[in-house]
Amino acid sequence: MGLWAHEGLSSCRRVFLTLPLENDMRKGLLFLLLACALGIPRSGYAQNCYNSNTDENIIEYFNLINYMGDFMLKVVSKAADSYDVSIICPQKQSSDMPPHEFSLSVTSITTNLKTECYSDTPLTISKTNRDCDNNGECNFIIVASNSSTSKIYSQTKIKLVLKNDELTNPELNPASLPICLGSVTPCLKDGECSLVESSSSLSLQDNKKHPYGDEVNFKINPASSGA
């Protein structure tokens, strides 16, 4: 428990140095040292980063209808070179399923034309749109998200042919909980992370290539002497 009890950097060093550093363990142990030094709680999330039951319910619902193929994209000719694109989604199972915050939308990538599940307004697009090629094949992105928090669980880029009465069931990327970087974010910006003991810091050194992936090396910077 010492690693997760926020006992400070000294306990992190003590635990880390007493563990054997076999090659296949090194990467995981280095992460544990970083997690310990940053004071990341056991859940893996920072205090200001929280995923709720609603997030989990949306993900579960989306992955189910995605697996079952229970939604479709429908294209209908509107006039001349103009087409309506809409998402046909399963009928709502109850007042709270899918959750009210569930959003599944299709958007043209550069021109941001958009429609979503349970919307009465389709996306209207022309074959001359910048998102379409000469064959009437257009680029869209389908996003599963939380309409209240704007969290994105899944996004998939697709190509859709504008053709009257075209009905397609695209295979979308599965949904997952958003990554909560929390207090680790500053490390990604400048390669140096603040530690529980404010007088020290942890630097991310050069990566090394290994057969099983990259290894990140860390260096503990000693406290600087103050005046």
C-alpha atoms as a PDB file:
ATOM      1  CA  MET A   1       0.000   0.000   0.000  1.00  0.00           C
ATOM      2  CA  GLY A   2       2.992   2.305   0.459  1.00  0.00           C
ATOM      3  CA  LEU A   3       3.039   3.140  -3.234  1.00  0.00           C
ATOM      4  CA  TRP A   4      -0.532   4.438  -3.173  1.00  0.00           C
ATOM      5  CA  ALA A   5      -0.639   5.916   0.324  1.00  0.00           C
ATOM      6  CA  HIS A   6       0.911   9.228  -0.742  1.00  0.00           C
ATOM      7  CA  GLU A   7       3.814   8.840   1.671  1.00  0.00           C
ATOM      8  CA  GLY A   8       6.090  11.066  -0.386  1.00  0.00           C
ATOM      9  CA  LEU A   9       8.924  10.601  -2.820  1.00  0.00           C
ATOM     10  CA  SER A  10      11.256   8.879  -0.346  1.00  0.00           C
ATOM     11  CA  SER A  11       8.903   5.902  -0.005  1.00  0.00           C
ATOM     12  CA  CYS A  12       8.552   5.813  -3.791  1.00  0.00           C
ATOM     13  CA  ARG A  13      12.304   5.544  -4.148  1.00  0.00           C
ATOM     14  CA  ARG A  14      12.504   2.902  -1.425  1.00  0.00           C
ATOM     15  CA  VAL A  15       9.839   0.655  -2.964  1.00  0.00           C
ATOM     16  CA  PHE A  16      11.167   1.113  -6.485  1.00  0.00           C
ATOM     17  CA  LEU A  17      14.774   0.332  -5.624  1.00  0.00           C
ATOM     18  CA  THR A  18      13.910  -2.883  -3.747  1.00  0.00           C
ATOM     19  CA  LEU A  19      12.080  -4.399  -6.735  1.00  0.00           C
ATOM     20  CA  PRO A  20      13.924  -6.549  -9.321  1.00  0.00           C
ATOM     21  CA  LEU A  21      14.214  -4.790 -12.683  1.00  0.00           C
ATOM     22  CA  GLU A  22      13.722  -7.607 -15.170  1.00  0.00           C
ATOM     23  CA  ASN A  23      13.383  -6.372 -18.736  1.00  0.00           C
ATOM     24  CA  ASP A  24       9.680  -7.157 -19.000  1.00  0.00           C
ATOM     25  CA  MET A  25       8.964  -5.402 -15.687  1.00  0.00           C
ATOM     26  CA  ARG A  26      10.967  -2.244 -16.207  1.00  0.00           C
ATOM     27  CA  LYS A  27       8.365  -0.253 -18.093  1.00  0.00           C
ATOM     28  CA  GLY A  28       5.608  -1.028 -15.617  1.00  0.00           C
ATOM     29  CA  LEU A  29       7.799  -0.240 -12.630  1.00  0.00           C
ATOM     30  CA  LEU A  30       8.850   3.070 -14.116  1.00  0.00           C
ATOM     31  CA  PHE A  31       5.191   3.961 -14.533  1.00  0.00           C
ATOM     32  CA  LEU A  32       4.534   3.008 -10.910  1.00  0.00           C
ATOM     33  CA  LEU A  33       7.331   5.294  -9.814  1.00  0.00           C
ATOM     34  CA  LEU A  34       5.850   8.128 -11.838  1.00  0.00           C
ATOM     35  CA  ALA A  35       2.357   7.450 -10.491  1.00  0.00           C
ATOM     36  CA  CYS A  36       3.655   7.336  -6.930  1.00  0.00           C
ATOM     37  CA  ALA A  37       5.694  10.492  -7.304  1.00  0.00           C
ATOM     38  CA  LEU A  38       2.772  12.403  -8.786  1.00  0.00           C
ATOM     39  CA  GLY A  39       0.403  11.225  -6.094  1.00  0.00           C
ATOM     40  CA  ILE A  40      -2.015   9.594  -8.544  1.00  0.00           C
ATOM     41  CA  PRO A  41      -4.746   7.761  -6.578  1.00  0.00           C
ATOM     42  CA  ARG A  42      -5.429   4.034  -6.969  1.00  0.00           C
ATOM     43  CA  SER A  43      -8.308   4.680  -9.375  1.00  0.00           C
ATOM     44  CA  GLY A  44      -5.867   6.173 -11.888  1.00  0.00           C
ATOM     45  CA  TYR A  45      -7.855   9.411 -12.129  1.00  0.00           C
ATOM     46  CA  ALA A  46      -6.975  12.826 -10.795  1.00  0.00           C
ATOM     47  CA  GLN A  47      -9.440  14.374  -8.361  1.00  0.00           C
ATOM     48  CA  ASN A  48     -10.693  16.822 -10.986  1.00  0.00           C
ATOM     49  CA  CYS A  49     -11.316  14.064 -13.536  1.00  0.00           C
ATOM     50  CA  TYR A  50     -14.383  11.908 -12.989  1.00  0.00           C
ATOM     51  CA  ASN A  51     -16.306   9.439 -15.122  1.00  0.00           C
ATOM     52  CA  SER A  52     -19.866   8.825 -13.967  1.00  0.00           C
ATOM     53  CA  ASN A  53     -22.379   5.995 -14.242  1.00  0.00           C
ATOM     54  CA  THR A  54     -23.934   7.965 -17.097  1.00  0.00           C
ATOM     55  CA  ASP A  55     -20.669   7.736 -19.030  1.00  0.00           C
ATOM     56  CA  GLU A  56     -20.572   3.982 -18.504  1.00  0.00           C
ATOM     57  CA  ASN A  57     -24.253   3.577 -19.484  1.00  0.00           C
ATOM     58  CA  ILE A  58     -23.758   5.545 -22.701  1.00  0.00           C
ATOM     59  CA  ILE A  59     -20.705   3.467 -23.607  1.00  0.00           C
ATOM     60  CA  GLU A  60     -22.500   0.203 -22.870  1.00  0.00           C
ATOM     61  CA  TYR A  61     -25.535   1.246 -24.929  1.00  0.00           C
ATOM     62  CA  PHE A  62     -23.485   2.482 -27.886  1.00  0.00           C
ATOM     63  CA  ASN A  63     -21.278  -0.612 -28.002  1.00  0.00           C
ATOM     64  CA  LEU A  64     -24.387  -2.804 -27.954  1.00  0.00           C
ATOM     65  CA  ILE A  65     -26.145  -1.086 -30.862  1.00  0.00           C
ATOM     66  CA  ASN A  66     -22.846  -0.867 -32.741  1.00  0.00           C
ATOM     67  CA  TYR A  67     -22.258  -4.609 -32.317  1.00  0.00           C
ATOM     68  CA  MET A  68     -25.859  -5.472 -33.229  1.00  0.00           C
ATOM     69  CA  GLY A  69     -25.888  -3.121 -36.226  1.00  0.00           C
ATOM     70  CA  ASP A  70     -29.012  -1.428 -34.893  1.00  0.00           C
ATOM     71  CA  PHE A  71     -28.479   1.948 -36.550  1.00  0.00           C
ATOM     72  CA  MET A  72     -28.211   2.988 -40.176  1.00  0.00           C
ATOM     73  CA  LEU A  73     -27.209   5.953 -42.292  1.00  0.00           C
ATOM     74  CA  LYS A  74     -29.837   6.846 -44.869  1.00  0.00           C
ATOM     75  CA  VAL A  75     -29.317   9.004 -47.977  1.00  0.00           C
ATOM     76  CA  VAL A  76     -32.310  10.443 -49.829  1.00  0.00           C
ATOM     77  CA  SER A  77     -32.210  12.574 -52.973  1.00  0.00           C
ATOM     78  CA  LYS A  78     -33.686  15.991 -52.229  1.00  0.00           C
ATOM     79  CA  ALA A  79     -33.332  18.005 -55.430  1.00  0.00           C
ATOM     80  CA  ALA A  80     -30.943  17.948 -58.372  1.00  0.00           C
ATOM     81  CA  ASP A  81     -27.527  17.515 -56.745  1.00  0.00           C
ATOM     82  CA  SER A  82     -28.690  17.806 -53.132  1.00  0.00           C
ATOM     83  CA  TYR A  83     -29.106  14.932 -50.680  1.00  0.00           C
ATOM     84  CA  ASP A  84     -30.409  14.457 -47.149  1.00  0.00           C
ATOM     85  CA  VAL A  85     -28.338  12.290 -44.803  1.00  0.00           C
ATOM     86  CA  SER A  86     -29.909  11.054 -41.574  1.00  0.00           C
ATOM     87  CA  ILE A  87     -29.132   8.540 -38.823  1.00  0.00           C
ATOM     88  CA  ILE A  88     -31.773   5.915 -38.138  1.00  0.00           C
ATOM     89  CA  CYS A  89     -31.387   4.830 -34.520  1.00  0.00           C
ATOM     90  CA  PRO A  90     -33.195   2.171 -32.465  1.00  0.00           C
ATOM     91  CA  GLN A  91     -36.410   3.187 -30.764  1.00  0.00           C
ATOM     92  CA  LYS A  92     -35.778   4.373 -27.211  1.00  0.00           C
ATOM     93  CA  GLN A  93     -36.163   1.466 -24.795  1.00  0.00           C
ATOM     94  CA  SER A  94     -37.435   3.625 -21.927  1.00  0.00           C
ATOM     95  CA  SER A  95     -37.406   7.184 -20.615  1.00  0.00           C
ATOM     96  CA  ASP A  96     -33.826   6.755 -19.413  1.00  0.00           C
ATOM     97  CA  MET A  97     -32.388   4.280 -21.934  1.00  0.00           C
ATOM     98  CA  PRO A  98     -30.498   5.424 -23.811  1.00  0.00           C
ATOM     99  CA  PRO A  99     -29.492   8.080 -21.257  1.00  0.00           C
ATOM    100  CA  HIS A 100     -30.714  11.596 -22.078  1.00  0.00           C
ATOM    101  CA  GLU A 101     -27.091  12.660 -22.536  1.00  0.00           C
ATOM    102  CA  PHE A 102     -26.433  10.075 -25.274  1.00  0.00           C
ATOM    103  CA  SER A 103     -25.502  11.662 -28.593  1.00  0.00           C
ATOM    104  CA  LEU A 104     -24.630   9.955 -31.867  1.00  0.00           C
ATOM    105  CA  SER A 105     -23.935  12.411 -34.661  1.00  0.00           C
ATOM    106  CA  VAL A 106     -22.674  12.449 -38.239  1.00  0.00           C
ATOM    107  CA  THR A 107     -20.807  15.544 -39.442  1.00  0.00           C
ATOM    108  CA  SER A 108     -19.168  16.531 -42.722  1.00  0.00           C
ATOM    109  CA  ILE A 109     -15.510  16.931 -41.836  1.00  0.00           C
ATOM    110  CA  THR A 110     -14.559  20.314 -43.314  1.00  0.00           C
ATOM    111  CA  THR A 111     -17.946  22.033 -43.718  1.00  0.00           C
ATOM    112  CA  ASN A 112     -19.390  20.888 -40.361  1.00  0.00           C
ATOM    113  CA  LEU A 113     -22.855  19.978 -41.612  1.00  0.00           C
ATOM    114  CA  LYS A 114     -24.399  17.847 -38.882  1.00  0.00           C
ATOM    115  CA  THR A 115     -27.321  15.669 -37.840  1.00  0.00           C
ATOM    116  CA  GLU A 116     -27.798  13.176 -35.022  1.00  0.00           C
ATOM    117  CA  CYS A 117     -29.953  10.404 -33.614  1.00  0.00           C
ATOM    118  CA  TYR A 118     -33.595  11.281 -32.952  1.00  0.00           C
ATOM    119  CA  SER A 119     -33.255  14.561 -34.853  1.00  0.00           C
ATOM    120  CA  ASP A 120     -36.009  15.667 -37.227  1.00  0.00           C
ATOM    121  CA  THR A 121     -33.532  17.693 -39.260  1.00  0.00           C
ATOM    122  CA  PRO A 122     -31.291  15.736 -41.654  1.00  0.00           C
ATOM    123  CA  LEU A 123     -27.908  16.860 -42.899  1.00  0.00           C
ATOM    124  CA  THR A 124     -28.321  18.352 -46.385  1.00  0.00           C
ATOM    125  CA  ILE A 125     -25.277  18.138 -48.624  1.00  0.00           C
ATOM    126  CA  SER A 126     -24.429  18.500 -52.311  1.00  0.00           C
ATOM    127  CA  LYS A 127     -22.038  16.414 -54.394  1.00  0.00           C
ATOM    128  CA  THR A 128     -20.136  19.639 -55.060  1.00  0.00           C
ATOM    129  CA  ASN A 129     -19.422  20.038 -51.350  1.00  0.00           C
ATOM    130  CA  ARG A 130     -15.727  20.256 -50.447  1.00  0.00           C
ATOM    131  CA  ASP A 131     -16.075  17.007 -48.493  1.00  0.00           C
ATOM    132  CA  CYS A 132     -17.068  15.076 -51.636  1.00  0.00           C
ATOM    133  CA  ASP A 133     -15.107  13.813 -54.616  1.00  0.00           C
ATOM    134  CA  ASN A 134     -16.176  13.668 -58.262  1.00  0.00           C
ATOM    135  CA  ASN A 135     -17.902  10.321 -57.700  1.00  0.00           C
ATOM    136  CA  GLY A 136     -20.177  11.709 -54.996  1.00  0.00           C
ATOM    137  CA  GLU A 137     -18.296   9.938 -52.211  1.00  0.00           C
ATOM    138  CA  CYS A 138     -18.139  12.205 -49.174  1.00  0.00           C
ATOM    139  CA  ASN A 139     -16.112  12.258 -45.963  1.00  0.00           C
ATOM    140  CA  PHE A 140     -17.967  12.252 -42.663  1.00  0.00           C
ATOM    141  CA  ILE A 141     -17.120  11.637 -39.035  1.00  0.00           C
ATOM    142  CA  ILE A 142     -19.478   9.787 -36.698  1.00  0.00           C
ATOM    143  CA  VAL A 143     -19.136  10.661 -33.018  1.00  0.00           C
ATOM    144  CA  ALA A 144     -20.637   9.056 -29.924  1.00  0.00           C
ATOM    145  CA  SER A 145     -20.532  11.543 -27.067  1.00  0.00           C
ATOM    146  CA  ASN A 146     -22.137  12.999 -23.943  1.00  0.00           C
ATOM    147  CA  SER A 147     -24.263  16.003 -24.906  1.00  0.00           C
ATOM    148  CA  SER A 148     -23.980  17.527 -21.422  1.00  0.00           C
ATOM    149  CA  THR A 149     -20.236  17.236 -20.832  1.00  0.00           C
ATOM    150  CA  SER A 150     -19.013  16.990 -24.466  1.00  0.00           C
ATOM    151  CA  LYS A 151     -16.987  13.888 -23.578  1.00  0.00           C
ATOM    152  CA  ILE A 152     -16.223  11.847 -26.701  1.00  0.00           C
ATOM    153  CA  TYR A 153     -16.358   8.053 -26.410  1.00  0.00           C
ATOM    154  CA  SER A 154     -15.963   7.021 -30.047  1.00  0.00           C
ATOM    155  CA  GLN A 155     -15.243   8.713 -33.359  1.00  0.00           C
ATOM    156  CA  THR A 156     -14.933   7.125 -36.774  1.00  0.00           C
ATOM    157  CA  LYS A 157     -14.149   8.666 -40.141  1.00  0.00           C
ATOM    158  CA  ILE A 158     -16.234   7.171 -42.945  1.00  0.00           C
ATOM    159  CA  LYS A 159     -16.878   7.624 -46.651  1.00  0.00           C
ATOM    160  CA  LEU A 160     -20.501   7.703 -47.783  1.00  0.00           C
ATOM    161  CA  VAL A 161     -21.781   7.653 -51.360  1.00  0.00           C
ATOM    162  CA  LEU A 162     -24.514  10.186 -52.119  1.00  0.00           C
ATOM    163  CA  LYS A 163     -27.067   8.046 -53.932  1.00  0.00           C
ATOM    164  CA  ASN A 164     -30.847   8.057 -53.604  1.00  0.00           C
ATOM    165  CA  ASP A 165     -32.236   5.531 -51.109  1.00  0.00           C
ATOM    166  CA  GLU A 166     -28.736   4.519 -50.060  1.00  0.00           C
ATOM    167  CA  LEU A 167     -28.905   2.692 -46.718  1.00  0.00           C
ATOM    168  CA  THR A 168     -25.704   1.652 -44.993  1.00  0.00           C
ATOM    169  CA  ASN A 169     -24.596   0.300 -41.634  1.00  0.00           C
ATOM    170  CA  PRO A 170     -21.027   1.537 -41.059  1.00  0.00           C
ATOM    171  CA  GLU A 171     -18.739  -0.305 -38.673  1.00  0.00           C
ATOM    172  CA  LEU A 172     -17.743   2.177 -35.982  1.00  0.00           C
ATOM    173  CA  ASN A 173     -14.901   2.189 -33.504  1.00  0.00           C
ATOM    174  CA  PRO A 174     -16.008   0.876 -30.097  1.00  0.00           C
ATOM    175  CA  ALA A 175     -16.633   3.369 -27.323  1.00  0.00           C
ATOM    176  CA  SER A 176     -14.395   3.676 -24.279  1.00  0.00           C
ATOM    177  CA  LEU A 177     -14.006   5.987 -21.294  1.00  0.00           C
ATOM    178  CA  PRO A 178     -12.097   9.183 -22.070  1.00  0.00           C
ATOM    179  CA  ILE A 179      -8.480   9.243 -20.895  1.00  0.00           C
ATOM    180  CA  CYS A 180      -8.075  11.324 -17.745  1.00  0.00           C
ATOM    181  CA  LEU A 181      -4.553  12.723 -17.737  1.00  0.00           C
ATOM    182  CA  GLY A 182      -5.186  15.023 -14.790  1.00  0.00           C
ATOM    183  CA  SER A 183      -1.985  16.160 -13.141  1.00  0.00           C
ATOM    184  CA  VAL A 184       0.164  14.194 -15.605  1.00  0.00           C
ATOM    185  CA  THR A 185      -0.634  16.718 -18.365  1.00  0.00           C
ATOM    186  CA  PRO A 186       2.287  19.093 -17.580  1.00  0.00           C
ATOM    187  CA  CYS A 187       4.706  16.192 -18.174  1.00  0.00           C
ATOM    188  CA  LEU A 188       3.503  16.010 -21.759  1.00  0.00           C
ATOM    189  CA  LYS A 189       4.217  19.694 -22.291  1.00  0.00           C
ATOM    190  CA  ASP A 190       7.747  20.119 -20.993  1.00  0.00           C
ATOM    191  CA  GLY A 191       8.937  16.635 -19.965  1.00  0.00           C
ATOM    192  CA  GLU A 192       9.226  17.530 -16.291  1.00  0.00           C
ATOM    193  CA  CYS A 193       6.647  16.677 -13.638  1.00  0.00           C
ATOM    194  CA  SER A 194       6.162  18.133 -10.184  1.00  0.00           C
ATOM    195  CA  LEU A 195       6.505  15.621  -7.346  1.00  0.00           C
ATOM    196  CA  VAL A 196       4.780  15.246  -3.996  1.00  0.00           C
ATOM    197  CA  GLU A 197       7.935  16.698  -2.484  1.00  0.00           C
ATOM    198  CA  SER A 198       7.917  20.103  -4.144  1.00  0.00           C
ATOM    199  CA  SER A 199      11.689  20.490  -3.768  1.00  0.00           C
ATOM    200  CA  SER A 200      12.317  17.719  -6.309  1.00  0.00           C
ATOM    201  CA  SER A 201      11.124  16.958  -9.806  1.00  0.00           C
ATOM    202  CA  LEU A 202      11.015  14.044 -12.240  1.00  0.00           C
ATOM    203  CA  SER A 203      12.237  14.387 -15.827  1.00  0.00           C
ATOM    204  CA  LEU A 204      11.295  12.235 -18.805  1.00  0.00           C
ATOM    205  CA  GLN A 205      14.488  11.282 -20.621  1.00  0.00           C
ATOM    206  CA  ASP A 206      15.068   9.916 -24.134  1.00  0.00           C
ATOM    207  CA  ASN A 207      13.010   6.914 -25.198  1.00  0.00           C
ATOM    208  CA  LYS A 208      14.677   3.649 -26.172  1.00  0.00           C
ATOM    209  CA  LYS A 209      13.288   1.184 -28.680  1.00  0.00           C
ATOM    210  CA  HIS A 210      12.634  -2.372 -27.495  1.00  0.00           C
ATOM    211  CA  PRO A 211      10.973  -5.392 -29.185  1.00  0.00           C
ATOM    212  CA  TYR A 212       7.886  -4.940 -26.978  1.00  0.00           C
ATOM    213  CA  GLY A 213       7.598  -1.164 -27.362  1.00  0.00           C
ATOM    214  CA  ASP A 214       9.215   2.039 -26.174  1.00  0.00           C
ATOM    215  CA  GLU A 215      10.892   2.370 -22.794  1.00  0.00           C
ATOM    216  CA  VAL A 216      10.693   5.770 -21.113  1.00  0.00           C
ATOM    217  CA  ASN A 217      13.576   6.635 -18.793  1.00  0.00           C
ATOM    218  CA  PHE A 218      13.059   8.858 -15.764  1.00  0.00           C
ATOM    219  CA  LYS A 219      15.534  10.965 -13.820  1.00  0.00           C
ATOM    220  CA  ILE A 220      14.939  12.302 -10.309  1.00  0.00           C
ATOM    221  CA  ASN A 221      16.273  15.837 -10.090  1.00  0.00           C
ATOM    222  CA  PRO A 222      17.637  16.707  -6.628  1.00  0.00           C
ATOM    223  CA  ALA A 223      16.339  19.715  -4.761  1.00  0.00           C
ATOM    224  CA  SER A 224      17.940  22.945  -5.849  1.00  0.00           C
ATOM    225  CA  SER A 225      19.716  24.857  -3.122  1.00  0.00           C
ATOM    226  CA  GLY A 226      17.940  28.069  -2.236  1.00  0.00           C
ATOM    227  CA  ALA A 227      19.489  31.309  -1.144  1.00  0.00           C
END
